Amino acid sequence: MIDKTIQFSLKDDKDDMIRTVLLNVYEALKEKGYNPISQIVGYILSEDPTYITTHNNARSLIRKIDRDELLQVLVTEYLKGD
């Protein structure tokens, strides 16, 4: 009997969602004339949502991400290297 079980990785789905949110927030900040990296770092360090614009629902989007998970994904991606 052949096992045709398909496995799904919730971690990959969550990482993809975090990436999508960050890209959307980055674009919204850029459109409003902010320095997106500085604003996102400010938000991560302080967890103060006012660092993120409400433009294109960016503030609401970023608040859906747990800050610890966001930091884990960022550090993991950074350390992957080449």
PDB file of N, CA and C in Angstrom:
ATOM      1  N   MET A   1       0.841  -1.177   0.000  1.00  0.00           N
ATOM      2  CA  MET A   1       0.000   0.000   0.000  1.00  0.00           C
ATOM      3  C   MET A   1       0.889   1.245   0.000  1.00  0.00           C
ATOM      4  N   ILE A   2       0.605   2.169  -0.871  1.00  0.00           N
ATOM      5  CA  ILE A   2       1.371   3.410  -0.981  1.00  0.00           C
ATOM      6  C   ILE A   2       0.734   4.475  -0.096  1.00  0.00           C
ATOM      7  N   ASP A   3       1.582   5.075   0.703  1.00  0.00           N
ATOM      8  CA  ASP A   3       1.111   6.151   1.582  1.00  0.00           C
ATOM      9  C   ASP A   3       1.083   7.447   0.782  1.00  0.00           C
ATOM     10  N   LYS A   4      -0.079   8.002   0.591  1.00  0.00           N
ATOM     11  CA  LYS A   4      -0.218   9.238  -0.193  1.00  0.00           C
ATOM     12  C   LYS A   4      -0.544  10.424   0.712  1.00  0.00           C
ATOM     13  N   THR A   5      -0.004  10.362   1.910  1.00  0.00           N
ATOM     14  CA  THR A   5      -0.231  11.450   2.857  1.00  0.00           C
ATOM     15  C   THR A   5       0.571  12.671   2.428  1.00  0.00           C
ATOM     16  N   ILE A   6      -0.087  13.781   2.386  1.00  0.00           N
ATOM     17  CA  ILE A   6       0.573  15.038   2.054  1.00  0.00           C
ATOM     18  C   ILE A   6       0.818  15.783   3.359  1.00  0.00           C
ATOM     19  N   GLN A   7       2.051  16.237   3.523  1.00  0.00           N
ATOM     20  CA  GLN A   7       2.371  16.985   4.720  1.00  0.00           C
ATOM     21  C   GLN A   7       2.450  18.472   4.403  1.00  0.00           C
ATOM     22  N   PHE A   8       1.863  19.250   5.268  1.00  0.00           N
ATOM     23  CA  PHE A   8       1.898  20.695   5.130  1.00  0.00           C
ATOM     24  C   PHE A   8       2.700  21.271   6.286  1.00  0.00           C
ATOM     25  N   SER A   9       3.463  22.278   5.992  1.00  0.00           N
ATOM     26  CA  SER A   9       4.243  22.925   7.035  1.00  0.00           C
ATOM     27  C   SER A   9       3.575  24.237   7.409  1.00  0.00           C
ATOM     28  N   LEU A  10       3.063  24.279   8.616  1.00  0.00           N
ATOM     29  CA  LEU A  10       2.446  25.518   9.093  1.00  0.00           C
ATOM     30  C   LEU A  10       3.488  26.607   9.280  1.00  0.00           C
ATOM     31  N   LYS A  11       4.714  26.193   9.607  1.00  0.00           N
ATOM     32  CA  LYS A  11       5.793  27.164   9.787  1.00  0.00           C
ATOM     33  C   LYS A  11       6.046  27.918   8.487  1.00  0.00           C
ATOM     34  N   ASP A  12       6.108  27.202   7.359  1.00  0.00           N
ATOM     35  CA  ASP A  12       6.333  27.849   6.072  1.00  0.00           C
ATOM     36  C   ASP A  12       5.192  28.797   5.729  1.00  0.00           C
ATOM     37  N   ASP A  13       3.965  28.383   6.020  1.00  0.00           N
ATOM     38  CA  ASP A  13       2.815  29.245   5.758  1.00  0.00           C
ATOM     39  C   ASP A  13       2.883  30.511   6.594  1.00  0.00           C
ATOM     40  N   LYS A  14       3.252  30.351   7.852  1.00  0.00           N
ATOM     41  CA  LYS A  14       3.350  31.510   8.751  1.00  0.00           C
ATOM     42  C   LYS A  14       4.474  32.438   8.292  1.00  0.00           C
ATOM     43  N   ASP A  15       5.614  31.862   7.900  1.00  0.00           N
ATOM     44  CA  ASP A  15       6.735  32.666   7.403  1.00  0.00           C
ATOM     45  C   ASP A  15       6.330  33.440   6.158  1.00  0.00           C
ATOM     46  N   ASP A  16       5.590  32.791   5.274  1.00  0.00           N
ATOM     47  CA  ASP A  16       5.120  33.456   4.056  1.00  0.00           C
ATOM     48  C   ASP A  16       4.168  34.598   4.392  1.00  0.00           C
ATOM     49  N   MET A  17       3.304  34.381   5.381  1.00  0.00           N
ATOM     50  CA  MET A  17       2.362  35.426   5.786  1.00  0.00           C
ATOM     51  C   MET A  17       3.122  36.617   6.368  1.00  0.00           C
ATOM     52  N   ILE A  18       4.124  36.334   7.200  1.00  0.00           N
ATOM     53  CA  ILE A  18       4.928  37.405   7.794  1.00  0.00           C
ATOM     54  C   ILE A  18       5.652  38.183   6.700  1.00  0.00           C
ATOM     55  N   ARG A  19       6.217  37.490   5.743  1.00  0.00           N
ATOM     56  CA  ARG A  19       6.910  38.148   4.625  1.00  0.00           C
ATOM     57  C   ARG A  19       5.954  39.048   3.841  1.00  0.00           C
ATOM     58  N   THR A  20       4.768  38.550   3.556  1.00  0.00           N
ATOM     59  CA  THR A  20       3.774  39.328   2.820  1.00  0.00           C
ATOM     60  C   THR A  20       3.372  40.580   3.586  1.00  0.00           C
ATOM     61  N   VAL A  21       3.140  40.423   4.873  1.00  0.00           N
ATOM     62  CA  VAL A  21       2.768  41.577   5.705  1.00  0.00           C
ATOM     63  C   VAL A  21       3.895  42.597   5.715  1.00  0.00           C
ATOM     64  N   LEU A  22       5.125  42.139   5.923  1.00  0.00           N
ATOM     65  CA  LEU A  22       6.256  43.075   5.956  1.00  0.00           C
ATOM     66  C   LEU A  22       6.416  43.814   4.634  1.00  0.00           C
ATOM     67  N   LEU A  23       6.254  43.108   3.537  1.00  0.00           N
ATOM     68  CA  LEU A  23       6.359  43.763   2.229  1.00  0.00           C
ATOM     69  C   LEU A  23       5.260  44.808   2.043  1.00  0.00           C
ATOM     70  N   ASN A  24       4.041  44.483   2.463  1.00  0.00           N
ATOM     71  CA  ASN A  24       2.936  45.439   2.350  1.00  0.00           C
ATOM     72  C   ASN A  24       3.149  46.656   3.236  1.00  0.00           C
ATOM     73  N   VAL A  25       3.622  46.424   4.449  1.00  0.00           N
ATOM     74  CA  VAL A  25       3.900  47.524   5.378  1.00  0.00           C
ATOM     75  C   VAL A  25       5.033  48.386   4.824  1.00  0.00           C
ATOM     76  N   TYR A  26       6.072  47.750   4.322  1.00  0.00           N
ATOM     77  CA  TYR A  26       7.207  48.468   3.736  1.00  0.00           C
ATOM     78  C   TYR A  26       6.734  49.383   2.601  1.00  0.00           C
ATOM     79  N   GLU A  27       5.923  48.853   1.712  1.00  0.00           N
ATOM     80  CA  GLU A  27       5.426  49.639   0.575  1.00  0.00           C
ATOM     81  C   GLU A  27       4.548  50.799   1.033  1.00  0.00           C
ATOM     82  N   ALA A  28       3.695  50.552   2.016  1.00  0.00           N
ATOM     83  CA  ALA A  28       2.817  51.607   2.529  1.00  0.00           C
ATOM     84  C   ALA A  28       3.642  52.741   3.144  1.00  0.00           C
ATOM     85  N   LEU A  29       4.667  52.382   3.905  1.00  0.00           N
ATOM     86  CA  LEU A  29       5.532  53.395   4.512  1.00  0.00           C
ATOM     87  C   LEU A  29       6.278  54.182   3.439  1.00  0.00           C
ATOM     88  N   LYS A  30       6.764  53.477   2.440  1.00  0.00           N
ATOM     89  CA  LYS A  30       7.482  54.132   1.341  1.00  0.00           C
ATOM     90  C   LYS A  30       6.563  55.094   0.586  1.00  0.00           C
ATOM     91  N   GLU A  31       5.341  54.655   0.316  1.00  0.00           N
ATOM     92  CA  GLU A  31       4.368  55.506  -0.396  1.00  0.00           C
ATOM     93  C   GLU A  31       4.085  56.796   0.376  1.00  0.00           C
ATOM     94  N   LYS A  32       4.107  56.716   1.694  1.00  0.00           N
ATOM     95  CA  LYS A  32       3.821  57.894   2.518  1.00  0.00           C
ATOM     96  C   LYS A  32       5.063  58.748   2.767  1.00  0.00           C
ATOM     97  N   GLY A  33       6.212  58.337   2.216  1.00  0.00           N
ATOM     98  CA  GLY A  33       7.419  59.151   2.324  1.00  0.00           C
ATOM     99  C   GLY A  33       8.278  58.879   3.546  1.00  0.00           C
ATOM    100  N   TYR A  34       7.979  57.814   4.276  1.00  0.00           N
ATOM    101  CA  TYR A  34       8.773  57.466   5.453  1.00  0.00           C
ATOM    102  C   TYR A  34       9.965  56.604   5.048  1.00  0.00           C
ATOM    103  N   ASN A  35      10.947  56.499   5.955  1.00  0.00           N
ATOM    104  CA  ASN A  35      12.033  55.545   5.782  1.00  0.00           C
ATOM    105  C   ASN A  35      11.509  54.218   6.348  1.00  0.00           C
ATOM    106  N   PRO A  36      11.130  53.272   5.483  1.00  0.00           N
ATOM    107  CA  PRO A  36      10.461  52.058   5.945  1.00  0.00           C
ATOM    108  C   PRO A  36      11.283  51.231   6.935  1.00  0.00           C
ATOM    109  N   ILE A  37      12.577  51.124   6.706  1.00  0.00           N
ATOM    110  CA  ILE A  37      13.408  50.316   7.598  1.00  0.00           C
ATOM    111  C   ILE A  37      13.429  50.924   8.999  1.00  0.00           C
ATOM    112  N   SER A  38      13.649  52.233   9.081  1.00  0.00           N
ATOM    113  CA  SER A  38      13.674  52.902  10.394  1.00  0.00           C
ATOM    114  C   SER A  38      12.343  52.764  11.117  1.00  0.00           C
ATOM    115  N   GLN A  39      11.258  52.899  10.389  1.00  0.00           N
ATOM    116  CA  GLN A  39       9.938  52.815  11.006  1.00  0.00           C
ATOM    117  C   GLN A  39       9.645  51.402  11.498  1.00  0.00           C
ATOM    118  N   ILE A  40       9.991  50.401  10.709  1.00  0.00           N
ATOM    119  CA  ILE A  40       9.748  49.010  11.108  1.00  0.00           C
ATOM    120  C   ILE A  40      10.616  48.647  12.301  1.00  0.00           C
ATOM    121  N   VAL A  41      11.882  49.073  12.299  1.00  0.00           N
ATOM    122  CA  VAL A  41      12.764  48.817  13.439  1.00  0.00           C
ATOM    123  C   VAL A  41      12.215  49.508  14.686  1.00  0.00           C
ATOM    124  N   GLY A  42      11.767  50.740  14.542  1.00  0.00           N
ATOM    125  CA  GLY A  42      11.170  51.449  15.671  1.00  0.00           C
ATOM    126  C   GLY A  42       9.981  50.697  16.243  1.00  0.00           C
ATOM    127  N   TYR A  43       9.155  50.171  15.356  1.00  0.00           N
ATOM    128  CA  TYR A  43       8.002  49.388  15.803  1.00  0.00           C
ATOM    129  C   TYR A  43       8.446  48.124  16.537  1.00  0.00           C
ATOM    130  N   ILE A  44       9.412  47.414  15.965  1.00  0.00           N
ATOM    131  CA  ILE A  44       9.870  46.166  16.578  1.00  0.00           C
ATOM    132  C   ILE A  44      10.461  46.425  17.968  1.00  0.00           C
ATOM    133  N   LEU A  45      11.270  47.467  18.091  1.00  0.00           N
ATOM    134  CA  LEU A  45      11.917  47.754  19.371  1.00  0.00           C
ATOM    135  C   LEU A  45      10.940  48.236  20.438  1.00  0.00           C
ATOM    136  N   SER A  46       9.980  49.033  20.029  1.00  0.00           N
ATOM    137  CA  SER A  46       9.089  49.646  21.017  1.00  0.00           C
ATOM    138  C   SER A  46       7.704  49.003  21.093  1.00  0.00           C
ATOM    139  N   GLU A  47       7.324  48.296  20.046  1.00  0.00           N
ATOM    140  CA  GLU A  47       5.976  47.752  19.871  1.00  0.00           C
ATOM    141  C   GLU A  47       4.924  48.862  19.888  1.00  0.00           C
ATOM    142  N   ASP A  48       5.346  50.061  19.530  1.00  0.00           N
ATOM    143  CA  ASP A  48       4.451  51.214  19.433  1.00  0.00           C
ATOM    144  C   ASP A  48       3.889  51.252  18.015  1.00  0.00           C
ATOM    145  N   PRO A  49       2.599  51.001  17.836  1.00  0.00           N
ATOM    146  CA  PRO A  49       2.012  50.928  16.504  1.00  0.00           C
ATOM    147  C   PRO A  49       2.043  52.250  15.728  1.00  0.00           C
ATOM    148  N   THR A  50       2.293  53.352  16.418  1.00  0.00           N
ATOM    149  CA  THR A  50       2.301  54.625  15.700  1.00  0.00           C
ATOM    150  C   THR A  50       3.513  54.776  14.785  1.00  0.00           C
ATOM    151  N   TYR A  51       4.482  53.882  14.891  1.00  0.00           N
ATOM    152  CA  TYR A  51       5.596  53.879  13.944  1.00  0.00           C
ATOM    153  C   TYR A  51       5.136  53.462  12.548  1.00  0.00           C
ATOM    154  N   ILE A  52       3.996  52.789  12.484  1.00  0.00           N
ATOM    155  CA  ILE A  52       3.490  52.261  11.223  1.00  0.00           C
ATOM    156  C   ILE A  52       2.278  53.072  10.788  1.00  0.00           C
ATOM    157  N   THR A  53       2.293  53.480   9.542  1.00  0.00           N
ATOM    158  CA  THR A  53       1.198  54.268   8.989  1.00  0.00           C
ATOM    159  C   THR A  53      -0.091  53.449   8.904  1.00  0.00           C
ATOM    160  N   THR A  54      -1.200  54.153   8.913  1.00  0.00           N
ATOM    161  CA  THR A  54      -2.489  53.486   8.696  1.00  0.00           C
ATOM    162  C   THR A  54      -2.775  53.335   7.199  1.00  0.00           C
ATOM    163  N   HIS A  55      -1.960  53.960   6.369  1.00  0.00           N
ATOM    164  CA  HIS A  55      -2.126  53.894   4.915  1.00  0.00           C
ATOM    165  C   HIS A  55      -2.154  52.429   4.456  1.00  0.00           C
ATOM    166  N   ASN A  56      -3.093  52.098   3.621  1.00  0.00           N
ATOM    167  CA  ASN A  56      -3.273  50.729   3.096  1.00  0.00           C
ATOM    168  C   ASN A  56      -3.399  49.679   4.207  1.00  0.00           C
ATOM    169  N   ASN A  57      -3.924  50.096   5.346  1.00  0.00           N
ATOM    170  CA  ASN A  57      -4.195  49.189   6.460  1.00  0.00           C
ATOM    171  C   ASN A  57      -2.915  48.577   7.053  1.00  0.00           C
ATOM    172  N   ALA A  58      -1.774  49.241   6.849  1.00  0.00           N
ATOM    173  CA  ALA A  58      -0.484  48.690   7.263  1.00  0.00           C
ATOM    174  C   ALA A  58      -0.399  48.476   8.775  1.00  0.00           C
ATOM    175  N   ARG A  59      -0.903  49.411   9.548  1.00  0.00           N
ATOM    176  CA  ARG A  59      -0.816  49.289  11.008  1.00  0.00           C
ATOM    177  C   ARG A  59      -1.612  48.080  11.504  1.00  0.00           C
ATOM    178  N   SER A  60      -2.765  47.906  10.953  1.00  0.00           N
ATOM    179  CA  SER A  60      -3.598  46.764  11.331  1.00  0.00           C
ATOM    180  C   SER A  60      -2.935  45.452  10.936  1.00  0.00           C
ATOM    181  N   LEU A  61      -2.317  45.434   9.764  1.00  0.00           N
ATOM    182  CA  LEU A  61      -1.652  44.217   9.292  1.00  0.00           C
ATOM    183  C   LEU A  61      -0.502  43.814  10.202  1.00  0.00           C
ATOM    184  N   ILE A  62       0.352  44.769  10.533  1.00  0.00           N
ATOM    185  CA  ILE A  62       1.547  44.417  11.318  1.00  0.00           C
ATOM    186  C   ILE A  62       1.186  43.991  12.734  1.00  0.00           C
ATOM    187  N   ARG A  63       0.079  44.464  13.237  1.00  0.00           N
ATOM    188  CA  ARG A  63      -0.320  44.090  14.594  1.00  0.00           C
ATOM    189  C   ARG A  63      -0.854  42.666  14.654  1.00  0.00           C
ATOM    190  N   LYS A  64      -1.092  42.046  13.506  1.00  0.00           N
ATOM    191  CA  LYS A  64      -1.531  40.653  13.462  1.00  0.00           C
ATOM    192  C   LYS A  64      -0.360  39.688  13.648  1.00  0.00           C
ATOM    193  N   ILE A  65       0.863  40.214  13.577  1.00  0.00           N
ATOM    194  CA  ILE A  65       2.059  39.387  13.701  1.00  0.00           C
ATOM    195  C   ILE A  65       2.596  39.502  15.122  1.00  0.00           C
ATOM    196  N   ASP A  66       2.857  38.362  15.738  1.00  0.00           N
ATOM    197  CA  ASP A  66       3.488  38.353  17.048  1.00  0.00           C
ATOM    198  C   ASP A  66       4.924  38.851  16.883  1.00  0.00           C
ATOM    199  N   ARG A  67       5.313  39.806  17.704  1.00  0.00           N
ATOM    200  CA  ARG A  67       6.630  40.425  17.565  1.00  0.00           C
ATOM    201  C   ARG A  67       7.764  39.414  17.736  1.00  0.00           C
ATOM    202  N   ASP A  68       7.618  38.458  18.647  1.00  0.00           N
ATOM    203  CA  ASP A  68       8.647  37.440  18.833  1.00  0.00           C
ATOM    204  C   ASP A  68       8.798  36.571  17.590  1.00  0.00           C
ATOM    205  N   GLU A  69       7.671  36.206  16.977  1.00  0.00           N
ATOM    206  CA  GLU A  69       7.721  35.414  15.741  1.00  0.00           C
ATOM    207  C   GLU A  69       8.370  36.213  14.621  1.00  0.00           C
ATOM    208  N   LEU A  70       8.050  37.485  14.552  1.00  0.00           N
ATOM    209  CA  LEU A  70       8.644  38.350  13.545  1.00  0.00           C
ATOM    210  C   LEU A  70      10.166  38.383  13.700  1.00  0.00           C
ATOM    211  N   LEU A  71      10.636  38.566  14.917  1.00  0.00           N
ATOM    212  CA  LEU A  71      12.073  38.592  15.169  1.00  0.00           C
ATOM    213  C   LEU A  71      12.729  37.255  14.843  1.00  0.00           C
ATOM    214  N   GLN A  72      12.069  36.155  15.170  1.00  0.00           N
ATOM    215  CA  GLN A  72      12.613  34.835  14.858  1.00  0.00           C
ATOM    216  C   GLN A  72      12.772  34.642  13.356  1.00  0.00           C
ATOM    217  N   VAL A  73      11.759  35.042  12.600  1.00  0.00           N
ATOM    218  CA  VAL A  73      11.819  34.907  11.141  1.00  0.00           C
ATOM    219  C   VAL A  73      12.930  35.792  10.580  1.00  0.00           C
ATOM    220  N   LEU A  74      13.027  37.021  11.047  1.00  0.00           N
ATOM    221  CA  LEU A  74      14.059  37.927  10.552  1.00  0.00           C
ATOM    222  C   LEU A  74      15.464  37.405  10.827  1.00  0.00           C
ATOM    223  N   VAL A  75      15.703  36.935  12.049  1.00  0.00           N
ATOM    224  CA  VAL A  75      17.028  36.425  12.397  1.00  0.00           C
ATOM    225  C   VAL A  75      17.328  35.153  11.616  1.00  0.00           C
ATOM    226  N   THR A  76      16.362  34.274  11.512  1.00  0.00           N
ATOM    227  CA  THR A  76      16.565  33.037  10.742  1.00  0.00           C
ATOM    228  C   THR A  76      16.909  33.334   9.293  1.00  0.00           C
ATOM    229  N   GLU A  77      16.158  34.224   8.676  1.00  0.00           N
ATOM    230  CA  GLU A  77      16.414  34.570   7.278  1.00  0.00           C
ATOM    231  C   GLU A  77      17.779  35.239   7.108  1.00  0.00           C
ATOM    232  N   TYR A  78      18.131  36.095   8.038  1.00  0.00           N
ATOM    233  CA  TYR A  78      19.411  36.787   7.974  1.00  0.00           C
ATOM    234  C   TYR A  78      20.574  35.802   8.081  1.00  0.00           C
ATOM    235  N   LEU A  79      20.442  34.841   8.969  1.00  0.00           N
ATOM    236  CA  LEU A  79      21.526  33.897   9.204  1.00  0.00           C
ATOM    237  C   LEU A  79      21.625  32.787   8.150  1.00  0.00           C
ATOM    238  N   LYS A  80      20.611  32.639   7.343  1.00  0.00           N
ATOM    239  CA  LYS A  80      20.660  31.631   6.273  1.00  0.00           C
ATOM    240  C   LYS A  80      21.816  31.891   5.330  1.00  0.00           C
ATOM    241  N   GLY A  81      22.054  33.150   5.058  1.00  0.00           N
ATOM    242  CA  GLY A  81      23.184  33.524   4.193  1.00  0.00           C
ATOM    243  C   GLY A  81      23.059  32.941   2.802  1.00  0.00           C
ATOM    244  N   ASP A  82      24.217  32.623   2.241  1.00  0.00           N
ATOM    245  CA  ASP A  82      24.247  32.122   0.872  1.00  0.00           C
ATOM    246  C   ASP A  82      23.963  30.666   0.826  1.00  0.00           C
TER     247      ASP A  82
END
